[in-house]
C-alpha atoms as a PDB file:
ATOM      1  CA  UNK A   1      -4.797 -40.107   9.309  1.00  0.00           C
ATOM      2  CA  UNK A   2      -4.642 -43.800  10.052  1.00  0.00           C
ATOM      3  CA  UNK A   3      -2.950 -44.721  13.330  1.00  0.00           C
ATOM      4  CA  UNK A   4      -1.837 -48.114  14.623  1.00  0.00           C
ATOM      5  CA  UNK A   5      -0.910 -47.994  18.315  1.00  0.00           C
ATOM      6  CA  UNK A   6       1.213 -51.136  17.876  1.00  0.00           C
ATOM      7  CA  UNK A   7       3.366 -49.477  15.227  1.00  0.00           C
ATOM      8  CA  UNK A   8       6.776 -48.291  16.424  1.00  0.00           C
ATOM      9  CA  UNK A   9       7.700 -44.786  15.265  1.00  0.00           C
ATOM     10  CA  UNK A  10      11.342 -43.895  14.741  1.00  0.00           C
ATOM     11  CA  UNK A  11      12.460 -40.267  14.625  1.00  0.00           C
ATOM     12  CA  UNK A  12      15.226 -39.781  12.061  1.00  0.00           C
ATOM     13  CA  UNK A  13      17.394 -36.707  12.624  1.00  0.00           C
ATOM     14  CA  UNK A  14      18.401 -35.208   9.266  1.00  0.00           C
ATOM     15  CA  UNK A  15      21.114 -32.575   8.930  1.00  0.00           C
ATOM     16  CA  UNK A  16      23.381 -30.888   6.394  1.00  0.00           C
ATOM     17  CA  UNK A  17      27.094 -31.523   6.975  1.00  0.00           C
ATOM     18  CA  UNK A  18      28.771 -28.460   5.499  1.00  0.00           C
ATOM     19  CA  UNK A  19      32.259 -29.942   5.781  1.00  0.00           C
ATOM     20  CA  UNK A  20      31.323 -33.147   3.929  1.00  0.00           C
ATOM     21  CA  UNK A  21      28.884 -31.299   1.629  1.00  0.00           C
ATOM     22  CA  UNK A  22      26.349 -34.056   2.222  1.00  0.00           C
ATOM     23  CA  UNK A  23      23.055 -34.719   3.974  1.00  0.00           C
ATOM     24  CA  UNK A  24      23.164 -37.018   6.986  1.00  0.00           C
ATOM     25  CA  UNK A  25      20.540 -39.087   8.790  1.00  0.00           C
ATOM     26  CA  UNK A  26      20.947 -40.691  12.211  1.00  0.00           C
ATOM     27  CA  UNK A  27      18.915 -42.656  14.706  1.00  0.00           C
ATOM     28  CA  UNK A  28      20.490 -44.421  17.685  1.00  0.00           C
ATOM     29  CA  UNK A  29      17.521 -46.686  18.335  1.00  0.00           C
ATOM     30  CA  UNK A  30      17.524 -48.439  14.927  1.00  0.00           C
ATOM     31  CA  UNK A  31      20.700 -47.846  14.796  1.00  0.00           C
ATOM     32  CA  UNK A  32      21.191 -45.857  11.593  1.00  0.00           C
ATOM     33  CA  UNK A  33      23.792 -43.470  10.171  1.00  0.00           C
ATOM     34  CA  UNK A  34      23.747 -42.585   6.477  1.00  0.00           C
ATOM     35  CA  UNK A  35      24.989 -39.815   4.176  1.00  0.00           C
ATOM     36  CA  UNK A  36      23.966 -38.747   0.689  1.00  0.00           C
ATOM     37  CA  UNK A  37      24.535 -35.906  -1.753  1.00  0.00           C
ATOM     38  CA  UNK A  38      20.814 -35.151  -2.012  1.00  0.00           C
ATOM     39  CA  UNK A  39      18.024 -35.041   0.540  1.00  0.00           C
ATOM     40  CA  UNK A  40      15.657 -37.037  -1.673  1.00  0.00           C
ATOM     41  CA  UNK A  41      18.198 -39.827  -2.132  1.00  0.00           C
ATOM     42  CA  UNK A  42      18.935 -39.844   1.595  1.00  0.00           C
ATOM     43  CA  UNK A  43      15.259 -40.308   2.477  1.00  0.00           C
ATOM     44  CA  UNK A  44      15.006 -43.103  -0.085  1.00  0.00           C
ATOM     45  CA  UNK A  45      18.110 -44.829   1.342  1.00  0.00           C
ATOM     46  CA  UNK A  46      16.712 -44.589   4.889  1.00  0.00           C
ATOM     47  CA  UNK A  47      13.492 -46.240   3.713  1.00  0.00           C
ATOM     48  CA  UNK A  48      15.380 -49.067   2.014  1.00  0.00           C
ATOM     49  CA  UNK A  49      17.935 -49.791   4.731  1.00  0.00           C
ATOM     50  CA  UNK A  50      15.774 -49.403   7.848  1.00  0.00           C
ATOM     51  CA  UNK A  51      13.917 -52.740   7.598  1.00  0.00           C
ATOM     52  CA  UNK A  52      17.192 -54.553   6.895  1.00  0.00           C
ATOM     53  CA  UNK A  53      18.927 -53.001   9.922  1.00  0.00           C
ATOM     54  CA  UNK A  54      15.925 -53.620  12.184  1.00  0.00           C
ATOM     55  CA  UNK A  55      15.801 -57.295  11.171  1.00  0.00           C
ATOM     56  CA  UNK A  56      19.553 -57.732  11.656  1.00  0.00           C
ATOM     57  CA  UNK A  57      19.177 -56.337  15.182  1.00  0.00           C
ATOM     58  CA  UNK A  58      16.261 -58.617  16.061  1.00  0.00           C
ATOM     59  CA  UNK A  59      13.645 -55.857  15.951  1.00  0.00           C
ATOM     60  CA  UNK A  60      10.217 -56.002  14.304  1.00  0.00           C
ATOM     61  CA  UNK A  61      10.701 -54.788  10.745  1.00  0.00           C
ATOM     62  CA  UNK A  62       7.034 -55.140   9.762  1.00  0.00           C
ATOM     63  CA  UNK A  63       5.299 -52.618  12.037  1.00  0.00           C
ATOM     64  CA  UNK A  64       7.123 -49.280  12.052  1.00  0.00           C
ATOM     65  CA  UNK A  65       6.931 -45.755  10.706  1.00  0.00           C
ATOM     66  CA  UNK A  66       9.596 -43.152  10.067  1.00  0.00           C
ATOM     67  CA  UNK A  67       9.350 -39.483  10.950  1.00  0.00           C
ATOM     68  CA  UNK A  68      12.040 -37.136   9.678  1.00  0.00           C
ATOM     69  CA  UNK A  69      13.247 -34.124  11.657  1.00  0.00           C
ATOM     70  CA  UNK A  70      15.351 -31.610   9.721  1.00  0.00           C
END
């Protein structure tokens, strides 16, 4: 596996919200909080929105990786 020590890794906590009947993803460091009906769509949404949120918060949006914890 390729590893770049300069790349920031963000751990995304993923959970099922039984009350909302939806998957959720959160990370306080990005910051990120999303919901979706399907896990696949949630992961896709996290991948799309993360660089936008990082850039809006003045963080490097070019050198990062995401790790999901269910």
